N, C-alpha and C. Protein backbone atom coordinates (compact mmCIF):
# COMPACT_ATOMS: atom_id res chain seq x y z
N UNK A 1 33.00 51.68 39.02
CA UNK A 1 32.94 53.12 38.89
C UNK A 1 32.63 53.48 37.45
N UNK A 2 31.70 54.41 37.28
CA UNK A 2 31.35 54.85 35.93
C UNK A 2 32.01 56.18 35.63
N UNK A 3 32.52 56.28 34.41
CA UNK A 3 33.13 57.53 33.94
C UNK A 3 32.45 57.92 32.63
N UNK A 4 32.24 59.21 32.46
CA UNK A 4 31.60 59.71 31.25
C UNK A 4 32.63 60.41 30.38
N UNK A 5 32.73 59.95 29.15
CA UNK A 5 33.64 60.56 28.18
C UNK A 5 32.77 61.31 27.17
N UNK A 6 32.85 62.62 27.18
CA UNK A 6 32.10 63.44 26.23
C UNK A 6 32.83 63.42 24.89
N UNK A 7 32.08 63.11 23.83
CA UNK A 7 32.67 62.97 22.49
C UNK A 7 32.05 64.04 21.60
N UNK A 8 32.86 65.02 21.25
CA UNK A 8 32.37 66.20 20.54
C UNK A 8 31.70 65.87 19.20
N UNK A 9 32.30 65.03 18.40
CA UNK A 9 31.76 64.79 17.06
C UNK A 9 31.00 63.46 16.95
N UNK A 10 30.35 63.06 18.03
CA UNK A 10 29.45 61.90 18.03
C UNK A 10 28.06 62.43 17.73
N UNK A 11 27.70 62.45 16.44
CA UNK A 11 26.49 63.16 16.04
C UNK A 11 25.46 62.31 15.32
N UNK A 12 25.81 61.09 14.92
CA UNK A 12 24.85 60.28 14.19
C UNK A 12 25.03 58.79 14.50
N UNK A 13 24.09 57.99 14.02
CA UNK A 13 24.11 56.55 14.28
C UNK A 13 25.38 55.89 13.75
N UNK A 14 25.86 56.38 12.62
CA UNK A 14 27.07 55.78 12.03
C UNK A 14 28.27 55.98 12.95
N UNK A 15 28.39 57.15 13.54
CA UNK A 15 29.48 57.42 14.49
C UNK A 15 29.35 56.52 15.71
N UNK A 16 28.14 56.41 16.24
CA UNK A 16 27.90 55.56 17.41
C UNK A 16 28.23 54.11 17.09
N UNK A 17 27.84 53.65 15.92
CA UNK A 17 28.11 52.27 15.50
C UNK A 17 29.62 52.03 15.40
N UNK A 18 30.34 52.98 14.85
CA UNK A 18 31.79 52.85 14.70
C UNK A 18 32.47 52.73 16.07
N UNK A 19 32.06 53.56 17.02
CA UNK A 19 32.62 53.51 18.36
C UNK A 19 32.26 52.20 19.05
N UNK A 20 30.98 51.78 18.93
CA UNK A 20 30.54 50.53 19.54
C UNK A 20 31.34 49.35 19.01
N UNK A 21 31.53 49.31 17.71
CA UNK A 21 32.27 48.21 17.10
C UNK A 21 33.70 48.16 17.61
N UNK A 22 34.37 49.30 17.64
CA UNK A 22 35.76 49.35 18.09
C UNK A 22 35.89 48.98 19.58
N UNK A 23 35.00 49.50 20.41
CA UNK A 23 35.08 49.21 21.84
C UNK A 23 34.67 47.78 22.15
N UNK A 24 33.83 47.19 21.31
CA UNK A 24 33.41 45.81 21.57
C UNK A 24 34.56 44.82 21.37
N UNK A 25 35.62 45.26 20.71
CA UNK A 25 36.80 44.42 20.51
C UNK A 25 37.76 44.51 21.69
N UNK A 26 37.38 45.25 22.72
CA UNK A 26 38.20 45.40 23.93
C UNK A 26 37.46 44.76 25.10
N UNK A 27 38.06 44.83 26.27
CA UNK A 27 37.41 44.31 27.48
C UNK A 27 36.61 45.38 28.20
N UNK A 28 36.46 46.53 27.60
CA UNK A 28 35.78 47.67 28.23
C UNK A 28 34.27 47.42 28.28
N UNK A 29 33.67 47.65 29.45
CA UNK A 29 32.22 47.61 29.62
C UNK A 29 31.74 49.04 29.39
N UNK A 30 30.94 49.27 28.38
CA UNK A 30 30.60 50.65 27.97
C UNK A 30 29.17 50.76 27.48
N UNK A 31 28.74 51.99 27.36
CA UNK A 31 27.46 52.33 26.76
C UNK A 31 27.67 53.61 25.96
N UNK A 32 27.17 53.64 24.72
CA UNK A 32 27.26 54.85 23.90
C UNK A 32 25.91 55.55 23.97
N UNK A 33 25.91 56.82 24.34
CA UNK A 33 24.69 57.61 24.42
C UNK A 33 24.78 58.70 23.35
N UNK A 34 24.12 58.44 22.24
CA UNK A 34 24.16 59.38 21.10
C UNK A 34 23.49 60.71 21.45
N UNK A 35 22.37 60.66 22.16
CA UNK A 35 21.64 61.87 22.50
C UNK A 35 22.49 62.85 23.31
N UNK A 36 23.27 62.32 24.25
CA UNK A 36 24.11 63.18 25.10
C UNK A 36 25.55 63.27 24.60
N UNK A 37 25.82 62.67 23.45
CA UNK A 37 27.15 62.68 22.83
C UNK A 37 28.23 62.23 23.80
N UNK A 38 28.03 61.05 24.38
CA UNK A 38 29.02 60.56 25.33
C UNK A 38 29.13 59.03 25.30
N UNK A 39 30.22 58.56 25.87
CA UNK A 39 30.44 57.14 26.10
C UNK A 39 30.60 56.97 27.60
N UNK A 40 29.82 56.07 28.16
CA UNK A 40 29.88 55.80 29.60
C UNK A 40 30.66 54.51 29.79
N UNK A 41 31.75 54.61 30.52
CA UNK A 41 32.63 53.46 30.76
C UNK A 41 32.44 53.02 32.20
N UNK A 42 32.17 51.72 32.37
CA UNK A 42 32.02 51.16 33.71
C UNK A 42 33.29 50.35 33.99
N UNK A 43 34.16 50.92 34.81
CA UNK A 43 35.42 50.24 35.12
C UNK A 43 36.42 51.18 35.76
N UNK A 44 37.59 50.64 35.98
CA UNK A 44 38.64 51.43 36.63
C UNK A 44 39.34 52.35 35.63
N UNK A 45 40.34 53.05 36.11
CA UNK A 45 41.03 54.04 35.26
C UNK A 45 41.73 53.40 34.06
N UNK A 46 42.14 52.14 34.19
CA UNK A 46 42.76 51.45 33.05
C UNK A 46 41.75 51.26 31.92
N UNK A 47 40.52 50.90 32.27
CA UNK A 47 39.48 50.71 31.26
C UNK A 47 39.11 52.04 30.61
N UNK A 48 39.10 53.10 31.39
CA UNK A 48 38.82 54.44 30.85
C UNK A 48 39.93 54.83 29.88
N UNK A 49 41.18 54.53 30.23
CA UNK A 49 42.32 54.85 29.36
C UNK A 49 42.22 54.08 28.04
N UNK A 50 41.83 52.82 28.11
CA UNK A 50 41.67 52.01 26.89
C UNK A 50 40.58 52.63 26.02
N UNK A 51 39.45 52.98 26.62
CA UNK A 51 38.35 53.58 25.87
C UNK A 51 38.78 54.90 25.22
N UNK A 52 39.48 55.74 25.99
CA UNK A 52 39.96 57.01 25.45
C UNK A 52 40.85 56.80 24.23
N UNK A 53 41.76 55.83 24.33
CA UNK A 53 42.69 55.56 23.23
C UNK A 53 41.93 55.09 21.99
N UNK A 54 41.00 54.16 22.18
CA UNK A 54 40.22 53.63 21.05
C UNK A 54 39.44 54.75 20.38
N UNK A 55 38.76 55.56 21.17
CA UNK A 55 37.95 56.66 20.62
C UNK A 55 38.84 57.69 19.93
N UNK A 56 39.97 58.01 20.53
CA UNK A 56 40.93 58.93 19.91
C UNK A 56 41.47 58.38 18.59
N UNK A 57 41.82 57.10 18.59
CA UNK A 57 42.36 56.48 17.38
C UNK A 57 41.36 56.49 16.23
N UNK A 58 40.08 56.53 16.56
CA UNK A 58 39.05 56.62 15.52
C UNK A 58 38.90 58.04 14.98
N UNK A 59 39.55 59.00 15.63
CA UNK A 59 39.51 60.38 15.16
C UNK A 59 38.46 61.25 15.85
N UNK A 60 37.89 60.76 16.92
CA UNK A 60 36.89 61.55 17.65
C UNK A 60 37.58 62.42 18.69
N UNK A 61 36.97 63.56 18.97
CA UNK A 61 37.53 64.53 19.90
C UNK A 61 36.74 64.45 21.21
N UNK A 62 37.45 64.29 22.31
CA UNK A 62 36.80 64.24 23.61
C UNK A 62 37.07 65.53 24.37
N UNK A 63 36.10 65.92 25.17
CA UNK A 63 36.26 67.12 26.00
C UNK A 63 35.66 66.88 27.35
């Protein structure tokens, strides 16, 4: 199952790189879409929760 996490302040390559690096250290299967300002998580609700926590801990705002 794919879930889309909209990230309000994902606005440049540096932000995308920071999120990619942090999520790559987890077991989350993800894709960062800079154009649509979102992270697409492929997995169950536990994987979505892990991704949300990682992105939040980096200081990004999700809506």
